[in-house]
Protein backbone atom coordinates (compact mmCIF):
# COMPACT_ATOMS: atom_id res chain seq x y z
CA MET A 1 0.01 0.04 0.00
CA SER A 2 1.32 3.49 -0.87
CA LYS A 3 2.05 6.02 1.84
CA GLU A 4 -0.68 8.34 0.47
CA LEU A 5 -3.30 5.52 0.79
CA GLU A 6 -2.07 4.69 4.25
CA SER A 7 -2.33 8.36 5.22
CA LEU A 8 -5.89 8.64 3.80
CA GLU A 9 -6.95 5.44 5.64
CA SER A 10 -5.37 6.71 8.85
CA ARG A 11 -7.23 10.06 8.61
CA SER A 12 -10.47 8.29 7.80
CA GLU A 13 -10.13 6.02 10.85
CA SER A 14 -9.14 8.94 13.01
CA GLU A 15 -12.20 10.92 11.97
CA GLU A 16 -14.42 7.90 12.57
CA PHE A 17 -12.90 7.49 15.96
CA LYS A 18 -13.61 11.13 16.88
CA GLU A 19 -17.20 10.69 15.81
CA TYR A 20 -17.47 7.55 17.95
CA MET A 21 -16.00 9.32 20.96
CA LYS A 22 -18.64 12.02 20.62
CA GLU A 23 -21.34 9.27 20.69
CA TYR A 24 -19.71 7.56 23.65
CA MET A 25 -19.61 10.78 25.63
CA HIS A 26 -23.28 11.47 24.75
CA GLY A 27 -22.54 14.25 22.38
CA GLU A 28 -19.61 15.95 24.00
CA ASP A 29 -17.31 17.84 21.66
CA GLU A 30 -14.41 20.16 22.04
CA SER A 31 -16.70 23.10 22.97
CA GLU A 32 -17.99 21.12 25.95
CA GLN A 33 -16.56 21.56 29.37
CA LYS A 34 -14.93 18.39 30.65
CA GLY A 35 -17.19 16.66 33.12
CA GLY A 36 -16.65 14.76 36.31
CA VAL A 37 -18.44 12.74 38.99
CA LYS A 38 -20.48 14.63 41.54
CA GLU A 39 -23.01 13.85 44.21
CA GLY A 40 -26.56 14.57 43.06
CA VAL A 41 -29.97 14.57 44.68
CA VAL A 42 -33.09 13.07 43.06
CA VAL A 43 -35.58 15.97 43.11
CA SER A 44 -38.32 14.55 40.89
CA ILE A 45 -39.27 11.30 39.11
CA ASN A 46 -41.46 11.17 36.03
CA GLU A 47 -42.15 7.46 35.40
CA GLN A 48 -44.58 8.17 32.58
CA GLU A 49 -41.92 10.09 30.61
CA GLY A 50 -39.14 7.80 31.85
CA TYR A 51 -36.73 10.29 33.49
CA ALA A 52 -35.71 11.80 36.81
CA MET A 53 -34.35 15.25 37.57
CA VAL A 54 -31.16 15.33 39.59
CA SER A 55 -29.76 18.39 41.37
CA VAL A 56 -26.01 18.69 41.23
CA GLY A 57 -25.54 21.81 43.29
CA GLY A 58 -27.08 25.28 43.39
CA LYS A 59 -29.85 25.59 40.88
CA THR A 60 -28.22 23.19 38.43
CA GLU A 61 -30.33 20.16 37.49
CA GLY A 62 -29.89 17.48 34.91
CA ARG A 63 -32.19 14.98 33.30
CA LEU A 64 -31.39 11.31 34.10
CA SER A 65 -32.96 8.42 32.11
CA LEU A 66 -34.76 6.00 34.44
CA GLU A 67 -33.29 3.11 32.42
CA GLU A 68 -30.01 3.80 34.17
CA ILE A 69 -31.39 3.25 37.64
CA LEU A 70 -33.58 0.14 37.23
CA ASP A 71 -32.76 -3.11 38.94
CA ALA A 72 -32.93 -6.57 37.29
CA GLN A 73 -36.67 -6.81 38.08
CA GLY A 74 -37.40 -3.37 36.59
CA GLY A 75 -37.81 -1.56 39.94
CA LEU A 76 -36.18 1.81 40.74
CA LEU A 77 -32.91 1.69 42.64
CA PHE A 78 -33.45 5.13 44.11
CA ASN A 79 -36.32 7.30 45.45
CA LEU A 80 -37.00 10.99 45.87
CA ASP A 81 -34.38 12.84 47.86
CA ASP A 82 -31.86 10.02 47.56
CA THR A 83 -28.25 11.07 46.96
CA ILE A 84 -26.60 9.32 44.05
CA PRO A 85 -23.28 9.64 42.15
CA VAL A 86 -23.62 11.01 38.60
CA TYR A 87 -21.28 11.94 35.81
CA VAL A 88 -21.86 15.60 34.98
CA SER A 89 -20.98 17.24 31.63
CA HIS A 90 -21.88 20.72 30.37
CA LYS A 91 -22.52 22.11 26.89
CA GLY A 92 -23.30 25.75 27.25
CA GLU A 93 -26.15 25.98 29.71
CA ARG A 94 -27.30 22.39 29.09
CA VAL A 95 -26.33 19.93 31.78
CA SER A 96 -26.08 16.15 31.13
CA VAL A 97 -26.03 13.62 33.99
CA SER A 98 -25.44 9.86 33.91
CA TYR A 99 -25.48 7.36 36.80
CA ARG A 100 -24.16 4.53 34.61
CA LYS A 101 -21.21 6.71 33.44
CA ALA A 102 -20.47 7.65 37.04
CA LEU A 103 -20.06 3.97 37.93
CA ALA A 104 -18.04 3.32 34.78
CA PHE A 105 -15.95 6.40 35.44
CA GLY A 106 -15.00 5.18 38.94
CA LYS A 107 -14.04 1.70 37.67
CA ALA A 108 -12.11 3.19 34.73
CA GLN A 109 -10.20 5.43 37.15
CA GLU A 110 -9.20 2.41 39.22
CA LYS A 111 -8.17 0.51 36.06
CA ILE A 112 -6.17 3.45 34.67
CA GLN A 113 -4.30 3.79 37.99
CA ALA A 114 -3.60 0.05 37.99
CA LEU A 115 -2.32 0.15 34.43
CA GLY A 116 0.18 2.85 35.17
CA GLU A 117 2.20 4.53 32.47
CA ASP A 118 3.10 1.35 30.66
CA TYR A 119 -0.42 0.66 29.45
CA LYS A 120 0.06 0.59 25.66
CA ASP A 121 -0.54 -2.73 23.95
CA LYS A 122 -1.70 -4.35 27.16
CA MET A 123 -4.21 -7.05 26.21
CA ILE A 124 -7.70 -7.21 27.78
CA GLU A 125 -10.72 -9.36 27.05
CA GLY A 126 -14.26 -8.01 27.07
CA GLU A 127 -17.81 -8.51 25.91
CA ILE A 128 -19.61 -6.18 23.54
CA VAL A 129 -22.53 -4.67 25.55
CA ARG A 130 -23.51 -1.67 23.37
CA GLU A 131 -23.18 -0.66 19.79
CA SER A 132 -23.63 2.73 18.14
CA LYS A 133 -23.18 4.11 14.63
CA ASN A 134 -19.36 4.30 14.87
CA GLY A 135 -18.26 1.92 17.65
CA TYR A 136 -18.79 -0.52 20.48
CA VAL A 137 -18.53 -0.57 24.25
CA LEU A 138 -16.73 -3.57 25.74
CA VAL A 139 -16.95 -4.60 29.41
CA ASP A 140 -14.38 -6.89 31.05
CA ARG A 141 -15.05 -9.31 34.00
CA GLU A 142 -14.39 -6.52 36.50
CA GLY A 143 -17.05 -4.27 34.96
CA VAL A 144 -14.61 -1.78 33.39
CA GLU A 145 -15.78 -0.24 30.12
CA TYR A 146 -13.63 0.19 27.04
CA SER A 147 -14.30 2.07 23.84
CA LEU A 148 -13.68 0.34 20.51
CA SER A 149 -14.28 2.20 17.27
CA LYS A 150 -15.61 0.16 14.34
CA ALA A 151 -12.54 1.15 12.31
CA GLN A 152 -10.40 -0.68 14.90
CA SER A 153 -12.72 -3.61 15.52
CA SER A 154 -12.02 -5.83 12.46
CA LEU A 155 -15.67 -6.89 12.66
CA LYS A 156 -18.08 -7.27 9.75
CA ARG A 157 -20.33 -4.34 9.40
CA GLY A 158 -24.07 -4.94 9.20
CA GLU A 159 -23.98 -7.92 11.56
CA ASN A 160 -25.10 -8.16 15.17
CA HIS A 161 -22.04 -8.47 17.44
CA LEU A 162 -23.65 -7.87 20.80
CA GLY A 163 -22.55 -10.46 23.36
CA LYS A 164 -19.33 -11.36 21.48
CA ARG A 165 -16.15 -11.64 23.57
CA LEU A 166 -13.09 -9.97 21.98
CA LYS A 167 -9.47 -9.67 22.80
CA VAL A 168 -8.10 -6.16 22.24
CA CYS A 169 -5.05 -4.01 23.01
CA ILE A 170 -5.15 -0.71 24.88
CA THR A 171 -4.14 2.12 22.67
CA SER A 172 -4.87 5.25 24.76
CA ILE A 173 -6.35 6.49 27.97
CA ASP A 174 -8.00 9.73 29.07
CA PRO A 175 -7.90 9.88 32.89
CA GLU A 176 -9.93 13.12 33.10
CA ARG A 177 -12.85 11.53 31.21
CA GLY A 178 -12.22 8.01 32.49
CA LEU A 179 -11.83 6.67 28.94
CA ILE A 180 -9.83 3.67 27.88
CA SER A 181 -9.57 3.19 24.09
CA VAL A 182 -8.78 -0.20 22.59
CA SER A 183 -8.03 -1.69 19.19
CA ARG A 184 -8.61 -5.23 17.92
CA LYS A 185 -6.52 -4.55 14.84
CA ARG A 186 -3.60 -3.71 17.10
CA PHE A 187 -4.22 -6.85 19.08
CA PHE A 188 -3.84 -9.02 15.97
CA ASP A 189 -0.56 -7.32 15.14
CA VAL A 190 0.90 -7.64 18.64
CA TYR A 191 -0.59 -11.03 19.45
CA SER A 192 0.53 -12.73 16.23
CA LYS A 193 4.18 -11.94 17.04
CA HIS A 194 3.67 -12.71 20.74
CA GLN A 195 1.90 -15.98 20.00
CA HIS A 196 4.70 -17.09 17.65
CA GLU A 197 7.43 -16.37 20.19
CA VAL A 198 5.71 -17.74 23.19
CA SER A 199 4.41 -20.89 21.43
CA LYS A 200 7.91 -21.75 20.16
CA LYS A 201 9.32 -21.23 23.68
CA LEU A 202 6.66 -23.47 25.23
CA VAL A 203 7.21 -26.31 22.69
CA GLU A 204 11.00 -26.15 22.83
CA SER A 205 11.27 -25.97 26.60
CA GLN A 206 9.05 -29.06 27.22
CA GLU A 207 8.36 -27.72 30.71
CA ILE A 208 5.14 -27.75 32.64
CA TYR A 209 3.31 -24.43 32.80
CA ASP A 210 0.44 -23.04 34.73
CA GLY A 211 -2.52 -22.00 32.64
CA VAL A 212 -6.08 -20.86 32.96
CA VAL A 213 -9.12 -22.42 31.22
CA LYS A 214 -10.61 -19.86 28.91
CA SER A 215 -13.43 -21.92 27.40
CA VAL A 216 -14.72 -25.52 27.27
CA THR A 217 -16.07 -27.20 24.17
CA SER A 218 -17.17 -30.72 23.23
CA PHE A 219 -13.79 -31.37 21.54
CA GLY A 220 -11.49 -29.97 24.16
CA VAL A 221 -10.41 -27.18 26.56
CA PHE A 222 -8.84 -23.86 25.52
CA VAL A 223 -6.13 -22.87 27.98
CA GLU A 224 -4.23 -19.59 28.17
CA VAL A 225 -0.51 -19.79 29.00
CA ASP A 226 1.64 -16.64 29.10
CA GLY A 227 -1.03 -14.72 27.13
CA VAL A 228 -1.33 -17.35 24.42
CA GLU A 229 -4.26 -19.73 23.96
CA GLY A 230 -3.81 -23.37 23.07
CA LEU A 231 -6.14 -26.37 22.69
CA VAL A 232 -6.03 -29.37 25.00
CA HIS A 233 -7.86 -31.97 22.84
CA TYR A 234 -10.23 -34.28 24.79
CA THR A 235 -7.82 -37.20 24.12
CA GLU A 236 -5.06 -35.25 25.91
CA ILE A 237 -6.94 -34.67 29.13
CA SER A 238 -6.49 -38.03 30.88
CA HIS A 239 -4.52 -41.24 30.49
CA ARG A 240 -7.86 -43.03 30.75
CA GLY A 241 -8.60 -42.16 27.11
CA SER A 242 -11.17 -39.84 25.63
CA ALA A 243 -12.69 -37.68 28.34
CA ASN A 244 -15.70 -35.37 28.44
CA PRO A 245 -14.09 -31.86 28.88
CA SER A 246 -17.12 -30.35 30.69
CA LYS A 247 -17.02 -33.07 33.35
CA HIS A 248 -13.47 -32.19 34.29
CA TYR A 249 -13.08 -28.41 33.78
CA LYS A 250 -14.92 -25.11 33.78
CA GLU A 251 -13.98 -21.64 32.63
CA GLY A 252 -11.54 -20.00 34.99
CA ASP A 253 -10.05 -23.21 36.38
CA GLY A 254 -6.27 -23.30 36.87
CA VAL A 255 -4.53 -26.16 35.15
CA GLN A 256 -1.03 -27.39 34.41
CA VAL A 257 -0.14 -28.12 30.79
CA LYS A 258 2.71 -29.04 28.52
CA ALA A 259 3.03 -27.87 24.90
CA LEU A 260 3.03 -30.64 22.25
CA ALA A 261 3.26 -28.72 18.97
CA TYR A 262 2.75 -25.39 17.22
CA ASP A 263 1.38 -25.11 13.68
CA GLU A 264 2.94 -21.86 12.41
CA GLU A 265 0.78 -21.80 9.27
CA LYS A 266 -2.52 -22.20 11.15
CA LYS A 267 -1.19 -20.50 14.25
CA ARG A 268 -2.47 -23.35 16.45
CA LEU A 269 -0.84 -24.39 19.71
CA SER A 270 -1.54 -27.94 20.88
CA LEU A 271 -1.40 -28.57 24.63
CA SER A 272 -1.69 -31.63 26.87
CA ILE A 273 -2.78 -32.11 30.44
CA LYS A 274 -2.02 -35.78 30.72
CA ALA A 275 1.57 -35.19 29.52
CA THR A 276 2.22 -33.40 32.83
CA MET A 277 1.45 -36.60 34.72
CA GLU A 278 3.46 -39.85 34.86
CA ASP A 279 2.12 -42.46 32.48
CA PRO A 280 0.35 -45.00 34.73
CA TRP A 281 0.62 -47.70 32.06
CA HIS A 282 4.28 -48.15 33.00
CA GLU A 283 3.14 -49.24 36.47
CA ILE A 284 0.44 -51.52 34.97
CA GLN A 285 2.98 -53.35 32.84
CA THR A 286 5.32 -53.98 35.73
CA LYS A 287 2.87 -54.73 38.63
CA LEU A 288 -0.23 -56.41 37.08
CA LYS A 289 -0.64 -59.58 35.08
CA VAL A 290 -3.50 -61.47 33.48
CA GLY A 291 -5.18 -63.64 36.09
CA TYR A 292 -4.56 -61.24 39.01
CA ALA A 293 -7.53 -60.41 41.24
CA ILE A 294 -7.73 -56.68 42.10
CA LYS A 295 -10.06 -54.24 43.90
CA VAL A 296 -11.73 -51.62 41.69
CA VAL A 297 -14.45 -48.98 41.93
CA VAL A 298 -17.38 -48.75 39.50
CA SER A 299 -16.85 -45.34 37.74
CA SER A 300 -19.51 -45.44 35.04
CA ILE A 301 -22.31 -47.75 33.87
CA GLU A 302 -23.29 -48.18 30.20
CA ASN A 303 -25.81 -50.54 28.50
CA TYR A 304 -22.96 -52.68 27.18
CA GLY A 305 -20.81 -52.91 30.33
CA VAL A 306 -19.18 -51.11 33.23
CA PHE A 307 -16.01 -48.93 33.47
CA VAL A 308 -14.06 -49.50 36.64
CA ASP A 309 -11.43 -47.25 38.29
CA ILE A 310 -8.30 -49.21 38.91
CA GLY A 311 -6.56 -46.21 40.44
CA ASN A 312 -3.61 -44.15 39.10
CA ASP A 313 -5.82 -42.61 36.46
CA ILE A 314 -6.47 -45.94 34.72
CA GLU A 315 -9.86 -47.45 33.88
CA GLY A 316 -10.66 -51.08 33.08
CA PHE A 317 -13.68 -52.36 31.20
CA LEU A 318 -16.06 -54.98 32.53
CA HIS A 319 -18.22 -56.23 29.63
CA ILE A 320 -21.84 -57.12 30.38
CA SER A 321 -21.08 -60.74 29.55
CA GLU A 322 -18.42 -60.84 32.26
CA ILE A 323 -20.64 -59.61 35.06
CA SER A 324 -22.50 -62.83 35.87
CA TRP A 325 -22.71 -66.46 34.72
CA ASN A 326 -26.42 -65.78 34.25
CA LYS A 327 -26.86 -65.40 30.46
CA ASN A 328 -30.00 -63.27 30.87
CA VAL A 329 -28.26 -60.07 32.21
CA LYS A 330 -30.42 -57.28 30.78
CA HIS A 331 -28.55 -54.24 32.12
CA PRO A 332 -25.41 -53.88 34.24
CA GLN A 333 -27.20 -51.59 36.68
CA ASP A 334 -29.29 -54.54 37.84
CA TYR A 335 -26.12 -55.97 39.35
CA LEU A 336 -23.82 -53.00 40.07
CA GLU A 337 -24.03 -49.35 41.12
CA LEU A 338 -21.85 -46.31 40.80
CA ASN A 339 -18.90 -46.03 43.30
CA GLN A 340 -19.39 -49.63 44.34
CA GLU A 341 -16.16 -51.39 45.33
CA ILE A 342 -15.82 -54.86 43.80
CA ASP A 343 -13.16 -57.58 43.23
CA VAL A 344 -12.45 -58.52 39.61
CA LYS A 345 -10.08 -60.72 37.71
CA ILE A 346 -7.81 -59.27 35.01
CA ILE A 347 -8.51 -61.15 31.70
CA GLU A 348 -6.63 -58.93 29.20
CA ILE A 349 -3.91 -56.30 29.30
CA ASP A 350 -3.41 -54.58 25.89
CA SER A 351 -0.55 -52.09 26.54
CA LYS A 352 -0.33 -51.09 22.89
CA ASN A 353 -3.92 -49.93 22.70
CA ARG A 354 -4.03 -49.10 26.43
CA ARG A 355 -6.95 -51.38 27.19
CA LEU A 356 -7.53 -53.45 30.33
CA ARG A 357 -10.39 -55.91 30.53
CA VAL A 358 -11.66 -57.51 33.72
CA SER A 359 -14.19 -60.13 34.79
CA LEU A 360 -16.43 -60.31 37.79
CA LYS A 361 -17.98 -63.73 37.14
CA GLN A 362 -14.64 -65.51 36.81
CA LEU A 363 -13.98 -65.07 40.49
CA SER A 364 -16.95 -67.28 41.32
CA ASP A 365 -17.53 -71.01 40.54
CA LYS A 366 -19.01 -71.74 37.18
CA PRO A 367 -22.67 -72.67 37.73
CA PHE A 368 -22.59 -75.25 34.88
CA ASN A 369 -19.71 -77.16 36.45
CA GLU A 370 -21.51 -77.18 39.81
CA PHE A 371 -24.71 -78.36 38.08
CA ILE A 372 -23.16 -81.32 36.25
CA SER A 373 -21.33 -82.36 39.45
CA LYS A 374 -24.72 -82.80 41.18
CA HIS A 375 -27.01 -84.01 38.34
CA ARG A 376 -27.04 -86.72 35.69
CA VAL A 377 -29.09 -87.50 32.56
CA GLY A 378 -32.48 -88.94 33.68
CA ASP A 379 -32.63 -86.95 36.94
CA LEU A 380 -35.90 -85.25 37.84
CA ILE A 381 -35.48 -81.64 38.81
CA GLU A 382 -37.56 -78.54 39.25
CA GLY A 383 -36.77 -75.31 37.37
CA LYS A 384 -38.23 -71.85 37.05
CA VAL A 385 -39.48 -70.60 33.63
CA ALA A 386 -37.11 -67.81 32.64
CA THR A 387 -37.86 -67.22 28.96
CA LEU A 388 -40.62 -68.32 26.57
CA THR A 389 -40.06 -68.65 22.79
CA ASP A 390 -41.85 -70.09 19.79
CA PHE A 391 -39.77 -73.25 19.99
CA GLY A 392 -39.99 -73.86 23.74
CA ALA A 393 -39.03 -72.57 27.20
CA PHE A 394 -35.78 -71.87 29.03
CA LEU A 395 -35.79 -73.02 32.65
CA ASN A 396 -33.35 -71.67 35.20
CA PHE A 397 -31.62 -73.78 37.81
CA GLY A 398 -29.76 -71.20 39.89
CA GLY A 399 -27.46 -69.70 37.28
CA VAL A 400 -27.84 -72.45 34.65
CA ASP A 401 -30.47 -72.51 31.96
CA GLY A 402 -31.90 -75.63 30.29
CA LEU A 403 -34.04 -75.84 27.15
CA LEU A 404 -37.45 -77.55 27.17
CA HIS A 405 -38.38 -77.88 23.56
CA ASN A 406 -42.03 -77.96 22.60
CA LYS A 407 -41.69 -81.48 21.22
CA ASP A 408 -40.16 -82.66 24.50
CA ALA A 409 -42.80 -80.93 26.58
CA PHE A 410 -46.01 -82.36 25.00
CA TRP A 411 -47.00 -85.43 23.09
CA GLU A 412 -49.30 -83.37 20.97
CA GLN A 413 -47.47 -81.80 18.01
CA ASP A 414 -49.48 -78.58 18.04
CA LYS A 415 -48.88 -77.62 21.68
CA LYS A 416 -46.44 -74.90 22.63
CA CYS A 417 -44.82 -74.00 25.99
CA LYS A 418 -45.68 -70.28 25.61
CA ASP A 419 -49.37 -71.19 25.53
CA HIS A 420 -49.26 -73.23 28.73
CA PHE A 421 -46.61 -71.54 30.96
CA LYS A 422 -45.72 -68.05 32.10
CA VAL A 423 -42.38 -66.64 33.21
CA GLY A 424 -41.82 -67.58 36.87
CA ASP A 425 -43.74 -70.87 36.78
CA VAL A 426 -42.00 -73.80 38.55
CA VAL A 427 -42.01 -76.95 36.38
CA GLN A 428 -40.76 -80.50 37.05
CA VAL A 429 -38.70 -81.87 34.23
CA LYS A 430 -36.29 -84.72 33.42
CA ILE A 431 -32.76 -84.07 32.18
CA LEU A 432 -32.73 -85.44 28.64
CA LYS A 433 -29.22 -84.54 27.56
CA ILE A 434 -26.11 -82.69 28.91
CA ASN A 435 -23.76 -81.22 26.27
CA LYS A 436 -20.55 -80.53 28.27
CA GLU A 437 -18.70 -79.08 25.30
CA ASN A 438 -21.28 -76.40 24.50
CA GLU A 439 -22.60 -76.19 28.06
CA LYS A 440 -26.15 -76.91 27.04
CA ILE A 441 -28.86 -78.85 28.88
CA SER A 442 -31.85 -80.43 27.16
CA LEU A 443 -35.00 -81.13 29.18
CA GLU A 444 -38.14 -83.31 28.88
CA MET A 445 -41.58 -82.97 30.50
CA LYS A 446 -43.91 -85.27 28.51
CA PHE A 447 -42.55 -88.28 30.46
CA THR A 448 -45.04 -87.40 33.23
CA GLN A 449 -47.90 -88.90 31.25
CA PRO A 450 -48.14 -91.88 28.92
CA SER A 451 -47.82 -91.09 25.25
CA PRO A 452 -50.94 -91.24 23.11
CA VAL A 453 -49.31 -94.08 21.12
CA GLU A 454 -48.64 -95.98 24.35
CA THR A 455 -52.33 -95.74 25.18
CA PHE A 456 -53.23 -96.63 21.60
CA SER A 457 -51.07 -99.77 21.76
CA GLN A 458 -52.98 -101.01 24.83
CA LYS A 459 -56.21 -100.98 22.84
CA TYR A 460 -55.01 -101.91 19.29
CA LYS A 461 -52.40 -104.15 17.80
CA VAL A 462 -50.97 -104.63 14.35
CA GLY A 463 -53.65 -106.16 12.13
CA ASP A 464 -56.62 -104.58 13.95
CA VAL A 465 -59.17 -102.65 11.88
CA ILE A 466 -59.54 -98.98 12.84
CA GLN A 467 -61.70 -96.14 11.72
CA GLY A 468 -60.95 -92.40 11.85
CA ALA A 469 -61.68 -89.03 10.26
CA VAL A 470 -59.23 -87.32 7.96
CA VAL A 471 -57.44 -84.49 9.80
CA ASN A 472 -54.62 -83.70 7.37
CA ILE A 473 -53.68 -84.33 3.73
CA LYS A 474 -50.08 -84.33 2.68
CA ASP A 475 -48.17 -85.15 -0.52
CA PHE A 476 -47.00 -88.40 1.02
CA GLY A 477 -50.38 -89.50 2.45
CA VAL A 478 -53.21 -88.62 4.79
CA PHE A 479 -53.59 -88.58 8.54
CA VAL A 480 -56.71 -89.91 10.30
CA ASN A 481 -57.40 -89.39 14.00
CA VAL A 482 -58.11 -92.46 15.99
CA ASP A 483 -58.62 -92.06 19.77
CA GLY A 484 -56.48 -88.88 19.83
CA VAL A 485 -53.68 -90.38 17.72
CA ASP A 486 -52.93 -89.09 14.20
CA VAL A 487 -52.40 -92.25 12.15
CA LEU A 488 -50.59 -92.01 8.81
CA ILE A 489 -51.85 -93.78 5.73
CA LYS A 490 -49.24 -93.46 3.05
CA SER A 491 -50.33 -92.58 -0.54
CA GLU A 492 -49.36 -96.12 -1.74
CA ASP A 493 -51.54 -97.62 0.99
CA LEU A 494 -54.74 -95.72 0.03
CA PRO A 495 -55.99 -97.82 -3.00
CA PRO A 496 -58.63 -98.66 -3.87
CA LEU A 497 -59.41 -95.22 -2.49
CA LYS A 498 -58.40 -92.32 -4.85
CA LYS A 499 -56.40 -89.66 -2.91
CA GLU A 500 -57.65 -86.78 -5.09
CA GLU A 501 -61.24 -87.57 -4.00
CA ILE A 502 -60.42 -87.68 -0.29
CA LYS A 503 -61.55 -84.65 1.77
CA LEU A 504 -61.03 -83.49 5.35
CA ASP A 505 -63.38 -85.17 7.86
CA ASP A 506 -63.99 -88.16 5.50
CA VAL A 507 -64.10 -91.35 7.59
CA ILE A 508 -61.67 -94.02 6.44
CA THR A 509 -61.47 -97.63 7.59
CA SER A 510 -57.95 -99.16 7.51
CA VAL A 511 -55.83 -101.78 9.22
CA VAL A 512 -52.95 -101.07 11.64
CA VAL A 513 -49.59 -102.02 10.05
CA ALA A 514 -47.09 -100.46 12.48
CA ILE A 515 -46.97 -99.13 16.04
CA GLU A 516 -43.67 -97.29 16.87
CA LYS A 517 -43.79 -96.42 20.61
CA ALA A 518 -40.29 -94.95 20.60
CA ASN A 519 -41.11 -92.48 17.83
CA ASN A 520 -44.72 -92.02 18.86
CA LYS A 521 -46.01 -93.02 15.45
CA VAL A 522 -48.79 -95.30 14.03
CA ARG A 523 -49.23 -96.34 10.45
CA ALA A 524 -52.28 -97.94 8.79
CA SER A 525 -53.22 -99.19 5.33
CA VAL A 526 -56.46 -99.33 3.27
CA ARG A 527 -54.81 -101.49 0.67
CA ARG A 528 -53.83 -104.16 3.23
CA LEU A 529 -57.37 -104.02 4.67
CA GLU A 530 -58.72 -104.96 1.23
CA ARG A 531 -56.29 -107.84 1.03
CA LYS A 532 -57.27 -108.93 4.49
CA LYS A 533 -60.93 -108.91 3.50
CA GLU A 534 -60.15 -110.99 0.43
CA ARG A 535 -58.30 -113.52 2.47
CA GLU A 536 -61.11 -113.77 5.00
CA GLN A 537 -63.68 -114.20 2.15
CA LEU A 538 -61.52 -116.93 0.63
CA GLN A 539 -61.20 -118.72 3.93
CA ALA A 540 -64.95 -118.49 4.53
CA PHE A 541 -65.62 -119.85 1.02
CA ASN A 542 -63.19 -122.75 1.55
CA ALA A 543 -64.83 -123.64 4.79
CA GLY A 544 -68.29 -123.78 3.10
CA ASP A 545 -67.44 -126.01 0.05
CA ASP A 546 -64.85 -128.72 0.77
CA LYS A 547 -65.45 -130.49 -2.62
CA MET A 548 -64.42 -127.50 -4.77
CA THR A 549 -61.29 -128.24 -6.70
CA LEU A 550 -58.27 -126.00 -6.90
CA GLY A 551 -59.08 -125.24 -10.49
CA ASP A 552 -62.60 -124.17 -9.49
CA LYS A 553 -61.23 -121.83 -6.94
CA ILE A 554 -58.83 -120.31 -9.47
CA SER A 555 -61.49 -119.92 -12.14
CA GLY A 556 -63.82 -118.44 -9.58
CA LYS A 557 -61.22 -115.96 -8.63
CA PHE A 558 -61.01 -114.69 -12.18
């Protein structure tokens, strides 16, 4: 940029600053007498018009806006005849008074005195509380006001900036008026150089520094060290791993940090809190081994498991499957609570990925081993219904579950456990099978009553003629019900009946050809019944005509 352009810009900013100062001082200009703080007396209050008249000595009175003396609830802070401090300024015969400016003036005077003569380029942080045509008023945490012209703000014009917090540098002070002027542009110039120098020093020294938390976000904590801000990423807060920043820190907290790196191009300083502490994993590797039993404290509970505090800023993970031998654990909080002290067994130490897994159930005897030491196949036992499914029911025997399949519960094929039991029912069953390899137990209940085929066999035997209604038609044959037993007649055993003509509920007469008690099955045949009838007719005929020759019998047959 040419010197002429720089000069023009400088004059433009200077003029804009003068205009802003007039606004800030409520219209004071060079013709005004410099004001000051005086004691004033409230002589009248006009709530309808929104002002009060304040006497500042003699016959001099000034108008004070009621907005300046309202509390947070909208009530007046002062009444008639109360004495209050006001900032008084004169323009000719007109007198201006301000309670707010009197307070600001007092705080500004204290700040100016504290700053001393070496005030230039000192950095302050404040919030924009007011905006006018040409500038802003910033207030720091101590309530001191600072004037910032728009030309020195580096803020986009036309946007709302109220409430924004800015870092600025002090450029000038006016003790008589209690004014402290600041510049954000100057801050960028000064801070950029300062940030570079300090950041490099922090990184190179690798020392531990005291810092102050400036803000907390979801991704980390911004900490100020020697006037420079850096980010502590949430993974650099604790050796435990990723941490929730808001659970550990709040704005204004003091904290020790160590610098990790400085990105000169992006001007970003990376800090670490956990780097200031000894890595507890060194102790884990030397003092703990898989199989050790240790005391821990439950630090957090999730749906999928529990995190436990091992001490020394290390957390272990207890998966839901390692809480109990009971396979029906719905939620960890049904077994454990926050801050509970428990004994666990270390089942994995992954130093590379900094993971430590523990087990609670492995410190107790395995229920399955205890079960098989007391029970054998064929034993009768009582169990409580734990779960009902479409295929059967799971019964619990004190930490061990066994499956009662529908087909092993009832002789009838269409019956289901879920239609006959409810969770919590106590049922007597027989141990049908124990699978030690897969730790599974199969149960049976239908033994308590004779099978329908057993009852059927007491009434019928192979060769007996039976009669039953058709209850099911399949590709391979039809089923007829006889005394509660579904008897199968295969397709090849149906002739002379035609299968395509058979309908449900048709009554069919047949002969029993097989009774399989072990498989609970009965088969019958129409075809064999016809043969039986033929044999009986032939026998009857032979008995009635002893003189008939063999040839006659054969010719009669055809």
